[in-house]
Amino acid sequence: MRSWILLAGALALVACGEGGSSDPPARAPAPVPPPAASAPGASAPPAAPDPHTPPARPVLADGAAIFRTRCATCHGESGDGNGALAGALKPPPRDFRQAAWQESVSDAHIESVISQGGPSVGLSPIMPAHPDLDAGQLASLRAYVRSLAR
């Protein structure tokens, strides 16, 4: 009786592909590539955003809210550098409305100053770092600062 059980178990293993079958394991079918962009009915990949297009309103609203709570005390509500604490700060806070300054700095520079503080880019040690802002908040705040240009 015991030999029948062992033989049945061995047969079950062979039938399931275990136990020395020389057949290769079954493969899943190859994935079908997506249709080419030129195929009829296919949609083109999304275009890169135009850097001259103003950011969406929610992005600016988020940036404005962050600016009011973190920046306006020194940089002023309008970004003119005349916040409530500005008179006591040497050097004075940046006036973000100046077109010449806006053109002289990159988005990456603005984000570095915000997230890492003034000393990280050779500016005033009075400018604090805000490392707790996530990438979306940082981008929103940068977009808002850009929107202050005259």
Protein backbone atom coordinates (compact mmCIF):
# COMPACT_ATOMS: atom_id res chain seq x y z
CA MET A 1 0.00 0.00 0.00
CA ARG A 2 2.81 2.36 0.84
CA SER A 3 4.44 1.87 -2.57
CA TRP A 4 1.17 2.87 -4.26
CA ILE A 5 1.13 6.14 -2.33
CA LEU A 6 4.74 6.89 -3.28
CA LEU A 7 4.06 6.00 -6.93
CA ALA A 8 0.94 8.23 -6.98
CA GLY A 9 2.93 11.10 -5.47
CA ALA A 10 5.71 10.71 -8.03
CA LEU A 11 3.19 10.64 -10.88
CA ALA A 12 1.54 13.78 -9.54
CA LEU A 13 4.89 15.57 -9.46
CA VAL A 14 5.69 14.57 -13.04
CA ALA A 15 2.21 15.59 -14.21
CA CYS A 16 2.64 19.03 -12.58
CA GLY A 17 6.00 19.63 -14.22
CA GLU A 18 8.07 18.84 -11.13
CA GLY A 19 10.41 15.94 -10.73
CA GLY A 20 12.73 15.87 -13.69
CA SER A 21 10.66 16.59 -16.78
CA SER A 22 12.94 17.64 -19.63
CA ASP A 23 10.32 20.00 -21.09
CA PRO A 24 11.10 23.69 -20.52
CA PRO A 25 8.70 25.56 -18.25
CA ALA A 26 5.86 27.36 -19.96
CA ARG A 27 6.52 31.05 -20.63
CA ALA A 28 4.13 33.93 -20.38
CA PRO A 29 3.32 35.51 -23.73
CA ALA A 30 5.54 38.45 -24.71
CA PRO A 31 4.00 41.85 -23.98
CA VAL A 32 2.51 43.63 -26.94
CA PRO A 33 4.21 47.00 -27.55
CA PRO A 34 1.99 50.08 -27.55
CA PRO A 35 0.94 51.35 -30.96
CA ALA A 36 3.33 53.72 -32.69
CA ALA A 37 2.48 57.42 -32.50
CA SER A 38 1.95 57.45 -36.24
CA ALA A 39 -0.62 54.67 -36.14
CA PRO A 40 -4.17 55.82 -36.88
CA GLY A 41 -6.05 56.62 -33.71
CA ALA A 42 -2.90 56.73 -31.56
CA SER A 43 -2.37 59.77 -29.39
CA ALA A 44 0.91 61.66 -29.41
CA PRO A 45 2.99 61.87 -26.22
CA PRO A 46 2.24 64.92 -24.09
CA ALA A 47 4.18 68.01 -25.12
CA ALA A 48 6.69 69.57 -22.76
CA PRO A 49 5.27 72.57 -20.89
CA ASP A 50 6.04 75.97 -22.39
CA PRO A 51 8.33 77.82 -19.93
CA HIS A 52 6.65 81.11 -20.90
CA THR A 53 3.18 79.90 -19.94
CA PRO A 54 2.17 81.18 -16.51
CA PRO A 55 1.70 78.46 -13.88
CA ALA A 56 -1.77 77.21 -13.11
CA ARG A 57 -3.77 79.22 -10.59
CA PRO A 58 -3.75 76.53 -7.85
CA VAL A 59 0.06 76.43 -7.98
CA LEU A 60 0.24 80.20 -7.45
CA ALA A 61 -2.38 80.06 -4.70
CA ASP A 62 -0.38 77.40 -2.86
CA GLY A 63 2.81 79.42 -3.32
CA ALA A 64 1.11 82.59 -2.09
CA ALA A 65 -0.09 80.83 1.06
CA ILE A 66 3.42 79.54 1.80
CA PHE A 67 4.89 82.99 1.05
CA ARG A 68 2.49 84.68 3.50
CA THR A 69 3.40 82.32 6.33
CA ARG A 70 7.14 81.96 5.76
CA CYS A 71 8.46 84.88 3.70
CA ALA A 72 6.28 87.98 4.03
CA THR A 73 7.58 88.92 7.49
CA CYS A 74 10.89 89.86 5.89
CA HIS A 75 10.17 90.16 2.15
CA GLY A 76 6.81 91.96 2.55
CA GLU A 77 3.33 90.94 1.46
CA SER A 78 4.00 92.18 -2.09
CA GLY A 79 7.56 90.80 -2.22
CA ASP A 80 9.04 94.33 -2.16
CA GLY A 81 11.57 93.51 0.61
CA ASN A 82 9.79 95.75 3.15
CA GLY A 83 8.29 93.24 5.56
CA ALA A 84 7.75 93.97 9.27
CA LEU A 85 11.25 92.75 10.17
CA ALA A 86 13.05 94.18 7.12
CA GLY A 87 14.26 97.35 8.87
CA ALA A 88 16.26 95.32 11.38
CA LEU A 89 17.94 93.09 8.78
CA LYS A 90 21.37 93.76 7.30
CA PRO A 91 21.54 93.16 4.41
CA PRO A 92 17.91 93.98 3.66
CA PRO A 93 15.66 91.29 2.20
CA ARG A 94 15.47 90.85 -1.58
CA ASP A 95 12.86 92.79 -3.56
CA PHE A 96 11.38 90.02 -5.74
CA ARG A 97 9.63 92.56 -7.95
CA GLN A 98 12.89 93.64 -9.65
CA ALA A 99 12.87 92.37 -13.23
CA ALA A 100 16.68 92.54 -13.45
CA TRP A 101 17.05 90.20 -10.49
CA GLN A 102 14.35 87.85 -11.81
CA GLU A 103 16.23 87.56 -15.12
CA SER A 104 19.59 87.03 -13.40
CA VAL A 105 18.63 83.91 -11.42
CA SER A 106 17.56 80.42 -12.41
CA ASP A 107 14.64 78.50 -10.96
CA ALA A 108 17.15 76.08 -9.41
CA HIS A 109 18.90 78.99 -7.67
CA ILE A 110 15.64 80.27 -6.17
CA GLU A 111 14.72 76.78 -4.97
CA SER A 112 18.21 76.30 -3.46
CA VAL A 113 17.96 79.54 -1.50
CA ILE A 114 14.51 78.59 -0.23
CA SER A 115 15.29 75.01 0.73
CA GLN A 116 18.92 75.38 1.88
CA GLY A 117 19.05 78.98 3.08
CA GLY A 118 21.10 81.99 2.02
CA PRO A 119 24.54 80.70 3.04
CA SER A 120 24.18 77.70 0.69
CA VAL A 121 24.57 80.03 -2.31
CA GLY A 122 26.77 82.72 -0.75
CA LEU A 123 23.93 84.97 0.39
CA SER A 124 23.01 86.33 3.80
CA PRO A 125 23.05 83.89 6.73
CA ILE A 126 19.88 85.63 7.92
CA MET A 127 17.88 83.91 5.14
CA PRO A 128 16.73 80.69 6.82
CA ALA A 129 16.53 77.27 5.21
CA HIS A 130 13.16 75.57 4.68
CA PRO A 131 14.16 71.91 4.15
CA ASP A 132 10.73 70.68 5.23
CA LEU A 133 9.05 71.90 2.02
CA ASP A 134 8.37 69.04 -0.38
CA ALA A 135 9.13 69.35 -4.10
CA GLY A 136 5.59 70.48 -4.95
CA GLN A 137 5.55 73.16 -2.27
CA LEU A 138 9.00 74.35 -3.31
CA ALA A 139 7.92 74.59 -6.96
CA SER A 140 4.75 76.47 -5.96
CA LEU A 141 6.67 78.95 -3.84
CA ARG A 142 9.24 79.49 -6.61
CA ALA A 143 6.44 80.06 -9.14
CA TYR A 144 4.86 82.59 -6.82
CA VAL A 145 8.16 84.45 -6.34
CA ARG A 146 8.51 84.53 -10.14
CA SER A 147 4.98 85.95 -10.43
CA LEU A 148 5.96 88.98 -8.34
CA ALA A 149 8.12 90.46 -11.12
CA ARG A 150 6.91 93.81 -12.40
